[in-house]
Amino acid sequence: MALSDIEIAQQAKMFRATEIAKRLGIPEERLIPYGHYKAKVALDYVASLKGRKDGKLVLVTAISPTPAGEGKTTTTVGLGDALNRIGKKAIICLREPSLGPVFGMKGGAAGGGHAQVVPMEDINLHFTGDFNAIALANNLLAAAIDNHINHGNELGIDVRRIQWKRVMDMNDRALREIVVSLGGAANGFPRQDGFDIVVASEVMAIFCLATSLKDLKERLGNIVAGYTREQKPVRARDLKVHGAMTVLLKDALAPNLVQTLEGSPAFIHGGPFANIAHGCNSVIATQTALKLADYVVTEAGFGADLGAEKFVDIKCRKSGLRPDAVVIVATLRALKYHGGVEVKEVNRENLAALEKGIANLERHVNNVHNHYGLPCVVAINRFSFDTAAEVALLQRKMLPHQVPVLLATHWADGGAGAVDVAKAVVELIEKGGAGFKFVYEDGLPLWEKMKAIATKIYGAADITGDSKVRAQVKRLQDEGYGHYPVCVAKTQYSFSTDAGLRNAPCGHVVNVREVRLAAGAEFVVMICGDIMTMPGLPKLPSAEKIDLTDDGKVVGLF
């Protein structure tokens, strides 16, 4: 019987964090240890690396996710191990898992099989406490808003125009819409409020885009928490809490260093979701890794229409980072699902469904090539029941796109199973020719930026929004936020806003339901369709399978 992910991870022989750091040239005294196998790299050491030359940056993305599975994080880990196997000095950069999906339905974010980062249990649970610090900083501002109003409201905050929500790192649908301050005058003024999940917080976005403690504090101060009756913005610095918020985050901002099952170094830091936020690990972790390695393998959440677009249009735009190559992950199972086959049938050969579903992969390849201007390879996360005929069909269909299609078995074989992908990535980078570009320019109005993403990347015919949404976008444009990039929140399962619309739909209309200003993160969030910024647990949450044995061993964690 095959071992589960957690059983494989629990059998791993790990190196101490000091040994992993030593391989990268990081002095032991510049580490902040969290036990034996995880540590933070001190920010003063991170700052000392600025003069070094950058390595090459590889972005791992995927087709539109399906219940059949793709294995993007597993591929990221396997590719990093494979690059080290072929003699390259490589570091992996991932996001931290959120407890919402860990106890919900998606699972963790530490890879799988023999391509995992460890200690897997720690990473998928509390890790180094970064998410807790982000939640506390977010909720300090929320408490300060209500406290200020209760004690006279000198700033004149309009309780109908408070923009800031509380957060928690758990899926809890009951907290989406609530009423706070009930129970009398001592508890404040009752008003409608709600919770988001931590990964949707603007503090999380700021945390992942900040380049230093100074930059972090400046961005936190710029948060627009609400408005006065005269529509004047009230910022976190007006409430005088941005300094305290920075204090809560000062230790968290240092990147977390761990390792793969094969001992490759990995930075795991920050964790915004790509369907409701910008979906990339921290700029600080990526920049640090690029100074310490020849190759850095990072991932962006969900498909290339979401995480990769935001990596390009938000993270790269704000940081100056530029990918040298892209790996698009797919499985034949998932492509057959996009071709109309139900999950219980995807393990059977079905050439007709596969040929139809390849359109999803083709659109992602087209977006990466033509809209992001980046060279790419396709990595097929192979299963034992994939047939030779199916593989041949996929390779034949992808020939016109001039994209290498490579089979990988890293889930079963670790880095050895991704060596062909690693060699192809190195060859692609050494060949050069990347013509990186954004999907839209800074000067395009906000509404037109949203339209550019929808029509170019999603294949939509147009975008819509009711009069309230259009008025809000116009107001943000008029108030000087028009140069900000757009962060789209929508379902990850489709190019459209309909989660049930598979493959590569065209001609649909993307409806913008809500608009949020993230002045500290410096982008505007466009919430589309029925996507929620506080998810709910499924009928059978993963939490029901997770347990602790009498001798303290975690079981059921994937």
Protein backbone atom coordinates (compact mmCIF):
# COMPACT_ATOMS: atom_id res chain seq x y z
CA MET A 1 0.00 0.00 0.00
CA ALA A 2 1.35 3.41 -1.02
CA LEU A 3 2.43 5.77 1.74
CA SER A 4 0.51 9.02 2.25
CA ASP A 5 2.25 12.38 1.93
CA ILE A 6 2.53 12.77 5.69
CA GLU A 7 3.91 9.24 6.11
CA ILE A 8 6.60 9.95 3.50
CA ALA A 9 7.44 13.26 5.20
CA GLN A 10 7.60 11.66 8.66
CA GLN A 11 10.19 9.16 7.42
CA ALA A 12 12.44 11.88 6.00
CA LYS A 13 15.93 12.38 7.39
CA MET A 14 16.25 16.15 7.55
CA PHE A 15 19.31 18.33 7.77
CA ARG A 16 19.40 20.99 10.46
CA ALA A 17 18.50 24.47 9.22
CA THR A 18 22.04 25.61 9.99
CA GLU A 19 23.39 23.05 7.50
CA ILE A 20 20.97 24.20 4.77
CA ALA A 21 21.99 27.81 5.45
CA LYS A 22 25.68 26.88 5.34
CA ARG A 23 25.25 25.49 1.81
CA LEU A 24 23.92 28.90 0.78
CA GLY A 25 26.72 30.77 2.53
CA ILE A 26 24.43 32.18 5.23
CA PRO A 27 26.34 32.51 8.54
CA GLU A 28 24.75 30.69 11.47
CA GLU A 29 24.57 33.91 13.49
CA ARG A 30 22.32 35.42 10.79
CA LEU A 31 19.69 32.73 11.36
CA ILE A 32 16.78 33.00 13.78
CA PRO A 33 16.04 29.32 14.60
CA TYR A 34 12.54 27.96 15.11
CA GLY A 35 13.56 24.53 16.34
CA HIS A 36 16.10 22.39 14.49
CA TYR A 37 14.66 22.33 10.96
CA LYS A 38 13.23 25.76 10.22
CA ALA A 39 14.66 29.22 10.66
CA LYS A 40 14.24 32.81 9.60
CA VAL A 41 17.01 34.67 7.80
CA ALA A 42 17.75 37.96 9.57
CA LEU A 43 16.64 41.07 7.66
CA ASP A 44 20.01 42.78 8.11
CA TYR A 45 21.65 39.86 6.30
CA VAL A 46 19.00 40.07 3.57
CA ALA A 47 19.82 43.78 3.14
CA SER A 48 23.56 43.00 2.89
CA LEU A 49 22.97 40.92 -0.28
CA LYS A 50 21.79 43.82 -2.45
CA GLY A 51 25.02 44.19 -4.42
CA ARG A 52 25.11 40.59 -5.58
CA LYS A 53 24.16 39.45 -9.06
CA ASP A 54 20.75 37.81 -9.46
CA GLY A 55 20.27 34.23 -10.55
CA LYS A 56 17.67 33.08 -13.07
CA LEU A 57 13.99 33.08 -12.11
CA VAL A 58 11.68 30.23 -13.16
CA LEU A 59 7.93 30.65 -12.68
CA VAL A 60 5.79 27.53 -12.30
CA THR A 61 2.12 27.90 -13.18
CA ALA A 62 -0.59 25.54 -14.42
CA ILE A 63 -3.74 24.95 -16.41
CA SER A 64 -7.09 25.81 -14.82
CA PRO A 65 -7.31 23.59 -11.70
CA THR A 66 -9.66 20.64 -11.58
CA PRO A 67 -10.77 18.02 -9.03
CA ALA A 68 -8.55 15.59 -10.98
CA GLY A 69 -5.45 17.45 -9.77
CA GLU A 70 -2.44 19.03 -11.47
CA GLY A 71 0.43 19.08 -8.93
CA LYS A 72 1.86 22.57 -9.37
CA THR A 73 3.58 22.81 -5.97
CA THR A 74 4.80 19.22 -6.30
CA THR A 75 6.32 20.15 -9.68
CA THR A 76 7.94 23.27 -8.22
CA VAL A 77 9.62 21.17 -5.55
CA GLY A 78 10.57 18.39 -7.96
CA LEU A 79 12.04 20.88 -10.44
CA GLY A 80 14.14 22.53 -7.74
CA ASP A 81 15.48 19.13 -6.67
CA ALA A 82 16.12 18.20 -10.31
CA LEU A 83 18.09 21.41 -10.97
CA ASN A 84 20.30 20.62 -7.99
CA ARG A 85 20.72 17.05 -9.27
CA ILE A 86 22.09 18.28 -12.61
CA GLY A 87 24.63 20.49 -10.90
CA LYS A 88 22.83 23.80 -10.69
CA LYS A 89 22.53 25.74 -7.45
CA ALA A 90 18.78 26.10 -6.99
CA ILE A 91 16.41 27.42 -4.34
CA ILE A 92 12.64 26.95 -4.20
CA CYS A 93 10.31 29.82 -3.21
CA LEU A 94 6.77 28.90 -2.13
CA ARG A 95 3.85 30.44 -0.28
CA GLU A 96 2.88 29.42 3.23
CA PRO A 97 -0.28 27.27 3.48
CA SER A 98 -3.44 28.71 4.99
CA LEU A 99 -5.21 26.74 7.70
CA GLY A 100 -8.52 27.34 5.90
CA PRO A 101 -7.76 24.91 3.04
CA VAL A 102 -5.72 22.63 5.32
CA PHE A 103 -8.86 21.92 7.36
CA GLY A 104 -11.19 22.51 4.42
CA MET A 105 -10.92 20.85 1.03
CA LYS A 106 -7.86 21.97 -0.98
CA GLY A 107 -5.21 20.57 1.32
CA GLY A 108 -1.81 21.98 2.15
CA ALA A 109 0.84 23.66 0.08
CA ALA A 110 3.94 21.61 0.77
CA GLY A 111 3.99 19.45 -2.35
CA GLY A 112 3.31 15.73 -2.37
CA GLY A 113 4.77 12.26 -2.67
CA HIS A 114 8.56 12.40 -2.91
CA ALA A 115 8.56 16.06 -3.93
CA GLN A 116 7.73 17.82 -0.67
CA VAL A 117 9.09 20.52 1.57
CA VAL A 118 9.65 19.57 5.20
CA PRO A 119 8.94 19.65 8.12
CA MET A 120 5.60 19.14 6.36
CA GLU A 121 3.45 19.14 9.51
CA ASP A 122 4.89 22.41 10.78
CA ILE A 123 4.64 24.10 7.39
CA ASN A 124 0.99 23.12 6.94
CA LEU A 125 0.00 24.10 10.46
CA HIS A 126 1.31 27.05 12.50
CA PHE A 127 4.82 27.14 10.94
CA THR A 128 6.66 30.22 12.27
CA GLY A 129 3.54 32.19 13.23
CA ASP A 130 3.61 34.60 10.28
CA PHE A 131 -0.11 34.29 9.57
CA ASN A 132 -0.95 34.90 13.20
CA ALA A 133 1.13 38.10 13.13
CA ILE A 134 -0.64 39.24 9.96
CA ALA A 135 -4.06 38.56 11.49
CA LEU A 136 -3.13 40.45 14.66
CA ALA A 137 -1.87 43.47 12.71
CA ASN A 138 -5.04 43.48 10.61
CA ASN A 139 -7.32 43.19 13.64
CA LEU A 140 -5.43 45.83 15.59
CA LEU A 141 -6.45 48.31 12.92
CA ALA A 142 -10.04 47.05 13.05
CA ALA A 143 -10.13 47.47 16.83
CA ALA A 144 -8.60 50.95 16.55
CA ILE A 145 -11.33 52.06 14.13
CA ASP A 146 -14.18 51.10 16.47
CA ASN A 147 -12.31 52.41 19.50
CA HIS A 148 -11.76 55.77 17.83
CA ILE A 149 -15.45 56.07 16.97
CA ASN A 150 -16.45 55.08 20.51
CA HIS A 151 -14.23 57.77 22.06
CA GLY A 152 -15.60 60.74 20.17
CA ASN A 153 -14.69 60.06 16.52
CA GLU A 154 -12.40 63.06 16.15
CA LEU A 155 -11.56 62.05 12.59
CA GLY A 156 -15.25 62.00 11.65
CA ILE A 157 -15.29 58.43 10.35
CA ASP A 158 -18.61 57.62 8.69
CA VAL A 159 -19.66 54.26 10.15
CA ARG A 160 -21.44 53.51 6.86
CA ARG A 161 -18.17 53.85 4.95
CA ILE A 162 -15.76 51.75 7.01
CA GLN A 163 -13.78 49.64 4.55
CA TRP A 164 -11.71 47.51 6.92
CA LYS A 165 -12.75 43.97 7.87
CA ARG A 166 -11.49 41.66 10.57
CA VAL A 167 -9.76 38.43 9.50
CA MET A 168 -9.08 34.91 10.71
CA ASP A 169 -7.13 32.04 9.13
CA MET A 170 -10.02 29.61 8.89
CA ASN A 171 -12.94 29.03 6.56
CA ASP A 172 -16.03 30.23 8.44
CA ARG A 173 -19.04 31.16 6.32
CA ALA A 174 -21.00 32.39 9.38
CA LEU A 175 -18.62 35.35 9.70
CA ARG A 176 -19.02 36.72 6.17
CA GLU A 177 -21.75 39.16 7.18
CA ILE A 178 -22.23 40.01 10.87
CA VAL A 179 -23.29 42.86 13.15
CA VAL A 180 -20.75 44.15 15.68
CA SER A 181 -20.92 46.35 18.79
CA LEU A 182 -24.20 44.99 20.14
CA GLY A 183 -24.92 45.17 23.88
CA GLY A 184 -25.15 48.85 24.71
CA ALA A 185 -23.21 52.11 24.57
CA ALA A 186 -20.11 50.71 26.28
CA ASN A 187 -19.58 48.34 23.34
CA GLY A 188 -19.67 51.03 20.65
CA PHE A 189 -22.08 51.80 17.82
CA PRO A 190 -23.75 48.77 16.17
CA ARG A 191 -22.95 48.36 12.49
CA GLN A 192 -22.81 45.72 9.81
CA ASP A 193 -19.37 44.16 9.41
CA GLY A 194 -17.74 40.91 8.39
CA PHE A 195 -14.60 38.76 8.31
CA ASP A 196 -12.25 37.84 5.47
CA ILE A 197 -9.78 34.99 5.55
CA VAL A 198 -6.22 36.12 6.43
CA VAL A 199 -4.89 35.45 2.94
CA ALA A 200 -7.37 37.99 1.52
CA SER A 201 -6.24 40.75 3.88
CA GLU A 202 -4.52 43.80 2.48
CA VAL A 203 -1.97 43.34 5.26
CA MET A 204 -1.05 39.99 3.67
CA ALA A 205 -0.65 41.68 0.28
CA ILE A 206 1.47 44.45 1.80
CA PHE A 207 3.56 41.89 3.68
CA CYS A 208 4.30 40.07 0.41
CA LEU A 209 5.12 43.22 -1.58
CA ALA A 210 7.15 45.14 1.03
CA THR A 211 10.91 45.24 0.49
CA SER A 212 11.99 46.38 3.98
CA LEU A 213 10.62 47.28 7.40
CA LYS A 214 10.61 50.94 6.33
CA ASP A 215 8.63 50.11 3.19
CA LEU A 216 6.29 47.89 5.23
CA LYS A 217 5.54 50.70 7.71
CA GLU A 218 4.94 53.21 4.91
CA ARG A 219 2.54 50.88 3.12
CA LEU A 220 0.65 50.03 6.31
CA GLY A 221 0.24 53.74 7.01
CA ASN A 222 -1.27 54.21 3.54
CA ILE A 223 -4.12 51.75 4.16
CA VAL A 224 -7.48 53.46 3.65
CA ALA A 225 -9.59 52.15 6.53
CA GLY A 226 -12.69 54.19 5.80
CA TYR A 227 -14.08 57.56 4.78
CA THR A 228 -15.63 60.59 6.41
CA ARG A 229 -19.07 61.89 5.47
CA GLU A 230 -17.27 64.26 3.10
CA GLN A 231 -15.66 61.24 1.37
CA LYS A 232 -12.23 62.09 2.77
CA PRO A 233 -10.11 58.94 3.24
CA VAL A 234 -9.11 57.94 6.75
CA ARG A 235 -5.81 56.04 6.75
CA ALA A 236 -4.13 53.78 9.26
CA ARG A 237 -1.58 56.53 9.96
CA ASP A 238 -4.44 58.90 10.87
CA LEU A 239 -5.39 56.39 13.57
CA LYS A 240 -1.72 56.23 14.65
CA VAL A 241 -1.54 52.44 14.65
CA HIS A 242 0.67 51.72 11.62
CA GLY A 243 3.77 51.76 13.82
CA ALA A 244 2.29 49.17 16.18
CA MET A 245 1.16 47.08 13.20
CA THR A 246 4.76 47.10 11.94
CA VAL A 247 5.98 45.99 15.36
CA LEU A 248 3.67 42.98 15.17
CA LEU A 249 5.13 42.10 11.76
CA LYS A 250 8.82 42.88 12.31
CA ASP A 251 9.86 39.27 12.99
CA ALA A 252 7.44 37.78 10.48
CA LEU A 253 8.93 39.81 7.60
CA ALA A 254 12.17 37.80 7.73
CA PRO A 255 12.03 34.92 5.16
CA ASN A 256 11.54 31.34 6.39
CA LEU A 257 14.20 28.79 5.39
CA VAL A 258 13.35 25.07 5.22
CA GLN A 259 14.28 22.17 2.90
CA THR A 260 12.90 19.59 0.50
CA LEU A 261 12.95 15.84 1.11
CA GLU A 262 16.20 15.81 -0.87
CA GLY A 263 17.76 18.62 1.13
CA SER A 264 17.32 21.43 -1.40
CA PRO A 265 16.90 24.84 0.29
CA ALA A 266 13.43 26.38 0.20
CA PHE A 267 12.08 29.76 1.25
CA ILE A 268 8.41 29.60 2.27
CA HIS A 269 7.07 33.05 3.05
CA GLY A 270 3.73 34.82 2.70
CA GLY A 271 0.58 33.28 1.32
CA PRO A 272 -2.07 35.31 -0.52
CA PHE A 273 -4.60 33.23 -2.48
CA ALA A 274 -4.53 33.78 -6.24
CA ASN A 275 -8.31 33.65 -6.64
CA ILE A 276 -8.96 36.48 -4.12
CA ALA A 277 -5.55 38.16 -3.83
CA HIS A 278 -2.31 38.34 -5.84
CA GLY A 279 -1.22 34.76 -5.16
CA CYS A 280 2.57 35.04 -4.90
CA ASN A 281 5.13 34.46 -2.15
CA SER A 282 6.93 37.48 -0.67
CA VAL A 283 9.12 39.76 -2.75
CA ILE A 284 11.72 39.66 0.03
CA ALA A 285 12.00 35.85 -0.14
CA THR A 286 12.24 35.81 -3.94
CA GLN A 287 14.82 38.60 -4.06
CA THR A 288 16.88 36.96 -1.32
CA ALA A 289 16.85 33.61 -3.11
CA LEU A 290 17.99 35.22 -6.36
CA LYS A 291 21.07 36.58 -4.58
CA LEU A 292 21.96 33.17 -3.15
CA ALA A 293 21.38 30.77 -6.07
CA ASP A 294 21.88 30.36 -9.81
CA TYR A 295 18.27 29.29 -10.29
CA VAL A 296 15.18 30.16 -8.27
CA VAL A 297 11.98 28.18 -8.84
CA THR A 298 8.83 29.90 -7.63
CA GLU A 299 5.14 29.37 -8.21
CA ALA A 300 2.07 31.53 -8.59
CA GLY A 301 -1.31 30.26 -7.42
CA PHE A 302 -3.83 28.38 -9.54
CA GLY A 303 -3.77 28.73 -13.34
CA ALA A 304 -1.76 31.07 -15.56
CA ASP A 305 -4.85 33.27 -15.92
CA LEU A 306 -4.81 34.09 -12.20
CA GLY A 307 -1.53 33.62 -10.33
CA ALA A 308 0.77 34.09 -13.32
CA GLU A 309 -1.10 37.19 -14.53
CA LYS A 310 -0.82 38.74 -11.06
CA PHE A 311 2.82 37.66 -10.79
CA VAL A 312 3.45 39.61 -14.00
CA ASP A 313 1.14 42.60 -13.58
CA ILE A 314 1.47 43.12 -9.81
CA LYS A 315 4.54 41.43 -8.32
CA CYS A 316 6.87 42.05 -11.26
CA ARG A 317 5.53 45.56 -11.84
CA LYS A 318 6.10 46.52 -8.18
CA SER A 319 9.42 44.76 -7.61
CA GLY A 320 11.29 44.81 -10.90
CA LEU A 321 11.46 41.00 -10.93
CA ARG A 322 11.43 39.35 -14.37
CA PRO A 323 10.97 35.60 -14.98
CA ASP A 324 13.44 33.99 -17.38
CA ALA A 325 11.21 31.00 -18.16
CA VAL A 326 7.82 29.54 -17.27
CA VAL A 327 6.76 25.95 -16.61
CA ILE A 328 3.07 25.17 -17.19
CA VAL A 329 1.93 22.10 -15.27
CA ALA A 330 -0.84 19.81 -16.48
CA THR A 331 -2.03 16.24 -16.13
CA LEU A 332 -3.74 14.17 -18.77
CA ARG A 333 -6.44 13.48 -16.18
CA ALA A 334 -7.16 17.19 -15.78
CA LEU A 335 -7.16 17.82 -19.52
CA LYS A 336 -9.70 15.04 -19.99
CA TYR A 337 -11.81 16.63 -17.27
CA HIS A 338 -11.71 19.91 -19.20
CA GLY A 339 -12.78 17.87 -22.22
CA GLY A 340 -15.99 16.86 -20.46
CA VAL A 341 -15.10 13.64 -18.62
CA GLU A 342 -16.22 13.37 -15.01
CA VAL A 343 -13.65 12.78 -12.27
CA LYS A 344 -14.49 9.11 -11.74
CA GLU A 345 -13.72 8.42 -15.43
CA VAL A 346 -10.51 10.44 -15.95
CA ASN A 347 -8.19 7.44 -15.41
CA ARG A 348 -9.52 5.74 -18.55
CA GLU A 349 -8.11 6.43 -21.99
CA ASN A 350 -10.30 8.91 -23.83
CA LEU A 351 -8.60 10.52 -26.81
CA ALA A 352 -11.63 12.55 -27.88
CA ALA A 353 -12.01 14.20 -24.47
CA LEU A 354 -8.27 14.79 -24.24
CA GLU A 355 -8.16 16.46 -27.65
CA LYS A 356 -11.04 18.72 -26.66
CA GLY A 357 -9.56 19.56 -23.24
CA ILE A 358 -6.16 20.49 -24.64
CA ALA A 359 -7.75 23.82 -25.60
CA ASN A 360 -7.39 24.86 -21.94
CA LEU A 361 -3.65 24.21 -22.02
CA GLU A 362 -3.33 25.94 -25.39
CA ARG A 363 -4.89 29.12 -24.04
CA HIS A 364 -2.57 29.17 -21.05
CA VAL A 365 0.42 28.65 -23.35
CA ASN A 366 -0.83 31.44 -25.61
CA ASN A 367 -1.20 33.79 -22.63
CA VAL A 368 2.31 33.05 -21.37
CA HIS A 369 3.87 33.39 -24.83
CA ASN A 370 1.92 36.23 -26.35
CA HIS A 371 0.57 38.28 -23.43
CA TYR A 372 3.38 37.84 -20.89
CA GLY A 373 6.11 37.50 -23.53
CA LEU A 374 7.80 34.58 -21.80
CA PRO A 375 9.23 31.28 -23.10
CA CYS A 376 7.72 28.17 -21.55
CA VAL A 377 7.74 24.41 -21.33
CA VAL A 378 4.84 22.12 -20.47
CA ALA A 379 5.43 19.62 -17.67
CA ILE A 380 3.02 16.67 -17.63
CA ASN A 381 2.73 15.30 -14.12
CA ARG A 382 2.50 11.67 -15.21
CA PHE A 383 0.26 8.97 -13.76
CA SER A 384 0.73 5.21 -14.24
CA PHE A 385 -2.52 4.91 -16.19
CA ASP A 386 -1.62 7.58 -18.78
CA THR A 387 -1.42 5.78 -22.12
CA ALA A 388 1.15 6.12 -24.89
CA ALA A 389 -1.59 7.14 -27.32
CA GLU A 390 -2.70 9.99 -25.03
CA VAL A 391 0.86 11.23 -24.59
CA ALA A 392 1.45 11.12 -28.35
CA LEU A 393 -1.77 13.03 -29.02
CA LEU A 394 -0.83 15.79 -26.59
CA GLN A 395 2.67 16.15 -28.01
CA ARG A 396 1.30 16.25 -31.55
CA LYS A 397 -1.31 18.88 -30.69
CA MET A 398 1.28 21.10 -29.01
CA LEU A 399 3.76 21.00 -31.92
CA PRO A 400 2.38 24.15 -33.60
CA HIS A 401 2.96 26.08 -30.38
CA GLN A 402 6.68 25.17 -30.45
CA VAL A 403 6.57 24.35 -26.74
CA PRO A 404 8.47 21.36 -25.33
CA VAL A 405 6.10 18.87 -23.68
CA LEU A 406 7.91 16.80 -21.08
CA LEU A 407 6.78 13.94 -18.88
CA ALA A 408 7.71 14.07 -15.21
CA THR A 409 7.43 11.51 -12.41
CA HIS A 410 8.69 13.57 -9.48
CA TRP A 411 5.75 12.57 -7.24
CA ALA A 412 7.02 8.98 -7.27
CA ASP A 413 10.72 9.53 -8.01
CA GLY A 414 11.57 12.92 -6.49
CA GLY A 415 14.01 15.15 -8.35
CA ALA A 416 15.17 12.27 -10.57
CA GLY A 417 11.70 12.24 -12.12
CA ALA A 418 11.94 15.90 -13.21
CA VAL A 419 15.47 15.93 -14.67
CA ASP A 420 14.20 16.21 -18.25
CA VAL A 421 12.12 19.25 -17.28
CA ALA A 422 15.11 20.80 -15.52
CA LYS A 423 17.37 20.32 -18.56
CA ALA A 424 14.73 21.83 -20.85
CA VAL A 425 14.33 24.85 -18.57
CA VAL A 426 18.09 25.44 -18.46
CA GLU A 427 18.29 25.13 -22.27
CA LEU A 428 15.38 27.55 -22.68
CA ILE A 429 16.99 30.13 -20.39
CA GLU A 430 20.43 29.80 -21.97
CA LYS A 431 18.86 30.28 -25.40
CA GLY A 432 17.41 33.61 -24.20
CA GLY A 433 14.81 35.53 -26.11
CA ALA A 434 12.33 36.36 -23.38
CA GLY A 435 10.35 39.47 -24.35
CA PHE A 436 8.66 40.15 -21.04
CA LYS A 437 5.65 42.45 -21.14
CA PHE A 438 2.67 43.44 -19.02
CA VAL A 439 -0.92 42.76 -20.03
CA TYR A 440 -1.66 46.51 -19.76
CA GLU A 441 0.26 49.71 -19.21
CA ASP A 442 0.17 51.83 -16.04
CA GLY A 443 -1.55 54.73 -17.79
CA LEU A 444 -4.61 52.75 -18.89
CA PRO A 445 -7.73 53.65 -16.83
CA LEU A 446 -8.78 51.12 -14.18
CA TRP A 447 -11.87 49.95 -16.03
CA GLU A 448 -9.88 49.43 -19.21
CA LYS A 449 -7.23 47.47 -17.28
CA MET A 450 -9.92 45.14 -16.05
CA LYS A 451 -11.27 44.82 -19.58
CA ALA A 452 -7.80 44.06 -20.94
CA ILE A 453 -7.37 41.18 -18.49
CA ALA A 454 -10.84 39.81 -19.22
CA THR A 455 -10.62 40.00 -23.01
CA LYS A 456 -6.96 39.10 -23.50
CA ILE A 457 -6.44 36.52 -20.75
CA TYR A 458 -9.91 35.12 -20.02
CA GLY A 459 -11.23 35.15 -23.60
CA ALA A 460 -14.21 37.28 -22.56
CA ALA A 461 -16.19 39.50 -24.90
CA ASP A 462 -16.67 42.30 -22.39
CA ILE A 463 -16.98 43.24 -18.72
CA THR A 464 -19.96 44.64 -16.86
CA GLY A 465 -20.71 46.27 -13.54
CA ASP A 466 -23.75 47.96 -12.05
CA SER A 467 -23.95 51.73 -11.66
CA LYS A 468 -22.59 51.59 -8.11
CA VAL A 469 -19.50 49.64 -9.21
CA ARG A 470 -18.90 51.91 -12.21
CA ALA A 471 -19.25 55.00 -10.02
CA GLN A 472 -16.77 53.59 -7.50
CA VAL A 473 -14.24 52.82 -10.21
CA LYS A 474 -14.64 56.35 -11.60
CA ARG A 475 -14.16 57.84 -8.14
CA LEU A 476 -10.97 55.87 -7.58
CA GLN A 477 -9.76 56.95 -11.00
CA ASP A 478 -10.54 60.60 -10.24
CA GLU A 479 -8.88 60.41 -6.82
CA GLY A 480 -5.54 59.47 -8.35
CA TYR A 481 -5.49 55.67 -8.07
CA GLY A 482 -5.81 55.08 -11.80
CA HIS A 483 -2.15 54.14 -12.19
CA TYR A 484 -2.57 51.16 -9.83
CA PRO A 485 -2.68 47.64 -11.26
CA VAL A 486 -5.86 45.59 -10.97
CA CYS A 487 -6.11 42.46 -8.82
CA VAL A 488 -8.98 40.27 -10.02
CA ALA A 489 -10.83 38.05 -7.55
CA LYS A 490 -12.72 35.31 -9.38
CA THR A 491 -13.19 31.56 -9.47
CA GLN A 492 -10.03 29.61 -10.19
CA TYR A 493 -11.85 26.78 -11.92
CA SER A 494 -12.71 28.55 -15.17
CA PHE A 495 -11.53 31.31 -17.49
CA SER A 496 -15.03 32.68 -16.90
CA THR A 497 -16.71 33.60 -13.63
CA ASP A 498 -18.79 30.40 -13.78
CA ALA A 499 -16.91 27.69 -11.86
CA GLY A 500 -18.75 24.99 -13.83
CA LEU A 501 -17.68 26.27 -17.25
CA ARG A 502 -14.67 24.11 -18.13
CA ASN A 503 -12.04 24.12 -20.87
CA ALA A 504 -11.51 27.42 -22.74
CA PRO A 505 -14.79 29.34 -23.00
CA CYS A 506 -14.95 32.38 -25.28
CA GLY A 507 -17.30 35.31 -25.61
CA HIS A 508 -18.51 35.30 -22.01
CA VAL A 509 -19.06 38.47 -20.01
CA VAL A 510 -17.18 39.08 -16.75
CA ASN A 511 -19.30 40.88 -14.17
CA VAL A 512 -17.50 43.02 -11.58
CA ARG A 513 -19.55 42.68 -8.39
CA GLU A 514 -17.48 44.74 -5.96
CA VAL A 515 -14.45 47.04 -5.96
CA ARG A 516 -11.97 47.43 -3.10
CA LEU A 517 -9.09 49.87 -2.82
CA ALA A 518 -5.84 48.47 -1.43
CA ALA A 519 -3.91 51.72 -1.12
CA GLY A 520 -1.11 50.21 0.97
CA ALA A 521 -0.58 47.29 -1.40
CA GLU A 522 -1.09 49.76 -4.27
CA PHE A 523 -3.64 47.88 -6.33
CA VAL A 524 -7.40 47.88 -6.87
CA VAL A 525 -9.30 44.64 -6.26
CA MET A 526 -12.09 43.80 -8.71
CA ILE A 527 -14.31 41.07 -7.22
CA CYS A 528 -16.08 39.16 -9.99
CA GLY A 529 -18.88 36.62 -10.10
CA ASP A 530 -19.76 34.91 -6.83
CA ILE A 531 -16.23 34.48 -5.41
CA MET A 532 -16.05 34.86 -1.61
CA THR A 533 -13.24 36.48 0.37
CA MET A 534 -14.24 34.30 3.33
CA PRO A 535 -14.59 30.71 2.09
CA GLY A 536 -16.76 28.09 3.77
CA LEU A 537 -15.92 24.54 4.79
CA PRO A 538 -17.17 21.71 2.53
CA LYS A 539 -19.69 19.10 3.66
CA LEU A 540 -16.84 16.72 4.53
CA PRO A 541 -13.92 18.94 5.59
CA SER A 542 -10.37 17.59 5.81
CA ALA A 543 -10.48 18.38 9.53
CA GLU A 544 -12.56 15.22 10.05
CA LYS A 545 -9.62 13.07 8.95
CA ILE A 546 -6.88 14.85 10.91
CA ASP A 547 -6.07 13.47 14.35
CA LEU A 548 -3.34 12.91 16.93
CA THR A 549 -2.34 9.48 18.20
CA ASP A 550 -1.78 8.80 21.89
CA ASP A 551 1.98 9.09 21.37
CA GLY A 552 1.63 12.55 19.77
CA LYS A 553 1.88 11.59 16.08
CA VAL A 554 -0.19 13.60 13.58
CA VAL A 555 -2.24 11.43 11.21
CA GLY A 556 -4.60 12.21 8.33
CA LEU A 557 -2.80 15.39 7.25
CA PHE A 558 -2.91 14.48 3.51
